[in-house]
C-alpha atoms as a PDB file:
ATOM      1  CA  UNK A   1      85.382  19.212  86.308  1.00  0.00           C
ATOM      2  CA  UNK A   2      88.549  17.428  85.252  1.00  0.00           C
ATOM      3  CA  UNK A   3      90.867  19.947  86.894  1.00  0.00           C
ATOM      4  CA  UNK A   4      93.934  19.232  88.956  1.00  0.00           C
ATOM      5  CA  UNK A   5      93.739  19.942  92.681  1.00  0.00           C
ATOM      6  CA  UNK A   6      95.679  23.221  92.414  1.00  0.00           C
ATOM      7  CA  UNK A   7      93.701  24.351  89.356  1.00  0.00           C
ATOM      8  CA  UNK A   8      90.466  24.117  91.315  1.00  0.00           C
ATOM      9  CA  UNK A   9      91.781  26.735  93.744  1.00  0.00           C
ATOM     10  CA  UNK A  10      92.917  29.233  91.079  1.00  0.00           C
ATOM     11  CA  UNK A  11      89.647  31.211  91.006  1.00  0.00           C
ATOM     12  CA  UNK A  12      89.818  31.631  94.788  1.00  0.00           C
ATOM     13  CA  UNK A  13      93.433  32.841  94.675  1.00  0.00           C
ATOM     14  CA  UNK A  14      92.546  35.176  91.812  1.00  0.00           C
ATOM     15  CA  UNK A  15      89.709  36.822  93.759  1.00  0.00           C
ATOM     16  CA  UNK A  16      91.894  37.055  96.865  1.00  0.00           C
ATOM     17  CA  UNK A  17      94.662  38.706  94.819  1.00  0.00           C
ATOM     18  CA  UNK A  18      92.245  41.137  93.153  1.00  0.00           C
ATOM     19  CA  UNK A  19      90.746  42.264  96.461  1.00  0.00           C
ATOM     20  CA  UNK A  20      94.164  42.813  98.010  1.00  0.00           C
ATOM     21  CA  UNK A  21      95.527  44.560  94.911  1.00  0.00           C
ATOM     22  CA  UNK A  22      92.496  46.841  94.693  1.00  0.00           C
ATOM     23  CA  UNK A  23      92.890  47.922  98.307  1.00  0.00           C
ATOM     24  CA  UNK A  24      96.654  48.367  97.826  1.00  0.00           C
ATOM     25  CA  UNK A  25      96.100  50.562  94.778  1.00  0.00           C
ATOM     26  CA  UNK A  26      93.427  52.637  96.513  1.00  0.00           C
ATOM     27  CA  UNK A  27      95.573  53.352  99.543  1.00  0.00           C
ATOM     28  CA  UNK A  28      99.172  53.453  98.313  1.00  0.00           C
ATOM     29  CA  UNK A  29      98.904  54.439  94.635  1.00  0.00           C
ATOM     30  CA  UNK A  30      95.809  56.631  94.322  1.00  0.00           C
ATOM     31  CA  UNK A  31      95.516  57.777  97.964  1.00  0.00           C
ATOM     32  CA  UNK A  32      91.739  57.440  97.595  1.00  0.00           C
ATOM     33  CA  UNK A  33      90.917  55.904 100.992  1.00  0.00           C
ATOM     34  CA  UNK A  34      91.781  56.874 104.535  1.00  0.00           C
ATOM     35  CA  UNK A  35      94.188  55.063 106.837  1.00  0.00           C
ATOM     36  CA  UNK A  36      91.281  54.140 109.106  1.00  0.00           C
ATOM     37  CA  UNK A  37      89.409  52.424 106.262  1.00  0.00           C
ATOM     38  CA  UNK A  38      92.570  50.659 105.103  1.00  0.00           C
ATOM     39  CA  UNK A  39      93.329  49.439 108.642  1.00  0.00           C
ATOM     40  CA  UNK A  40      89.740  48.268 109.052  1.00  0.00           C
ATOM     41  CA  UNK A  41      89.921  46.221 105.827  1.00  0.00           C
ATOM     42  CA  UNK A  42      93.193  44.648 106.945  1.00  0.00           C
ATOM     43  CA  UNK A  43      91.856  43.927 110.432  1.00  0.00           C
ATOM     44  CA  UNK A  44      88.701  42.294 109.011  1.00  0.00           C
ATOM     45  CA  UNK A  45      90.868  40.243 106.604  1.00  0.00           C
ATOM     46  CA  UNK A  46      89.257  41.717 103.506  1.00  0.00           C
ATOM     47  CA  UNK A  47      92.774  42.006 102.082  1.00  0.00           C
ATOM     48  CA  UNK A  48      95.981  40.097 102.818  1.00  0.00           C
ATOM     49  CA  UNK A  49      98.313  42.281 104.908  1.00  0.00           C
ATOM     50  CA  UNK A  50     101.344  40.054 104.295  1.00  0.00           C
ATOM     51  CA  UNK A  51     100.878  40.125 100.530  1.00  0.00           C
ATOM     52  CA  UNK A  52     100.490  43.909 100.549  1.00  0.00           C
ATOM     53  CA  UNK A  53     103.637  44.204 102.668  1.00  0.00           C
ATOM     54  CA  UNK A  54     105.557  42.258 100.006  1.00  0.00           C
ATOM     55  CA  UNK A  55     104.160  44.450  97.206  1.00  0.00           C
ATOM     56  CA  UNK A  56     105.657  47.502  98.919  1.00  0.00           C
ATOM     57  CA  UNK A  57     109.163  46.012  98.575  1.00  0.00           C
ATOM     58  CA  UNK A  58     111.213  46.391  95.404  1.00  0.00           C
ATOM     59  CA  UNK A  59     111.076  43.341  93.160  1.00  0.00           C
ATOM     60  CA  UNK A  60     107.814  41.981  94.561  1.00  0.00           C
ATOM     61  CA  UNK A  61     105.361  44.255  92.733  1.00  0.00           C
ATOM     62  CA  UNK A  62     104.027  41.440  90.522  1.00  0.00           C
ATOM     63  CA  UNK A  63     103.784  38.794  93.233  1.00  0.00           C
ATOM     64  CA  UNK A  64     100.463  36.969  92.913  1.00  0.00           C
ATOM     65  CA  UNK A  65     100.505  35.079  96.213  1.00  0.00           C
ATOM     66  CA  UNK A  66     102.817  34.308  99.111  1.00  0.00           C
ATOM     67  CA  UNK A  67     103.188  30.676  98.015  1.00  0.00           C
ATOM     68  CA  UNK A  68     105.248  31.880  95.055  1.00  0.00           C
ATOM     69  CA  UNK A  69     108.157  32.882  97.277  1.00  0.00           C
ATOM     70  CA  UNK A  70     108.093  29.862  99.569  1.00  0.00           C
ATOM     71  CA  UNK A  71     110.807  27.611  98.178  1.00  0.00           C
ATOM     72  CA  UNK A  72     109.920  24.773 100.527  1.00  0.00           C
ATOM     73  CA  UNK A  73     106.731  24.170  98.511  1.00  0.00           C
ATOM     74  CA  UNK A  74     108.589  23.411  95.270  1.00  0.00           C
ATOM     75  CA  UNK A  75     110.353  20.277  94.100  1.00  0.00           C
ATOM     76  CA  UNK A  76     113.692  21.895  93.343  1.00  0.00           C
ATOM     77  CA  UNK A  77     113.767  24.733  95.886  1.00  0.00           C
ATOM     78  CA  UNK A  78     113.060  27.413  93.271  1.00  0.00           C
ATOM     79  CA  UNK A  79     110.652  30.327  92.995  1.00  0.00           C
ATOM     80  CA  UNK A  80     107.496  30.505  90.916  1.00  0.00           C
ATOM     81  CA  UNK A  81     107.403  31.719  87.292  1.00  0.00           C
ATOM     82  CA  UNK A  82     105.722  34.957  88.381  1.00  0.00           C
ATOM     83  CA  UNK A  83     108.989  35.904  90.137  1.00  0.00           C
ATOM     84  CA  UNK A  84     110.972  35.844  86.873  1.00  0.00           C
ATOM     85  CA  UNK A  85     111.480  39.375  85.462  1.00  0.00           C
ATOM     86  CA  UNK A  86     109.412  40.129  82.353  1.00  0.00           C
ATOM     87  CA  UNK A  87     112.555  40.948  80.388  1.00  0.00           C
ATOM     88  CA  UNK A  88     113.747  37.346  80.823  1.00  0.00           C
ATOM     89  CA  UNK A  89     110.440  35.803  79.683  1.00  0.00           C
ATOM     90  CA  UNK A  90     109.410  35.100  76.106  1.00  0.00           C
ATOM     91  CA  UNK A  91     107.182  37.986  74.976  1.00  0.00           C
ATOM     92  CA  UNK A  92     104.910  35.828  72.806  1.00  0.00           C
ATOM     93  CA  UNK A  93     104.240  33.018  75.267  1.00  0.00           C
ATOM     94  CA  UNK A  94     101.796  33.750  78.087  1.00  0.00           C
ATOM     95  CA  UNK A  95     102.887  32.091  81.317  1.00  0.00           C
ATOM     96  CA  UNK A  96     100.578  31.679  84.298  1.00  0.00           C
ATOM     97  CA  UNK A  97     101.515  30.985  87.862  1.00  0.00           C
ATOM     98  CA  UNK A  98     100.797  27.422  88.997  1.00  0.00           C
ATOM     99  CA  UNK A  99      99.589  28.467  92.440  1.00  0.00           C
END
């Protein structure tokens, strides 16, 4: 399709993020599902437990994937653009994560 190797995986990461975020919102924000159902979804790997654990920490609410905080995967030992606070980003320009 003319995409780079990482771009081909973006739809998969997006679906993975959406499933995990949906379950996180249902359990922690809206309190709409039981602990048993949440634990079952985590155990069956429907959602990413490690990603949800990061979302519960301050400063990681917008994290799109765990690769964004692994500095060993970058050329200069830095974090991903999704880790930059919104106040420091240009409001007009839309920036997407490269992972």
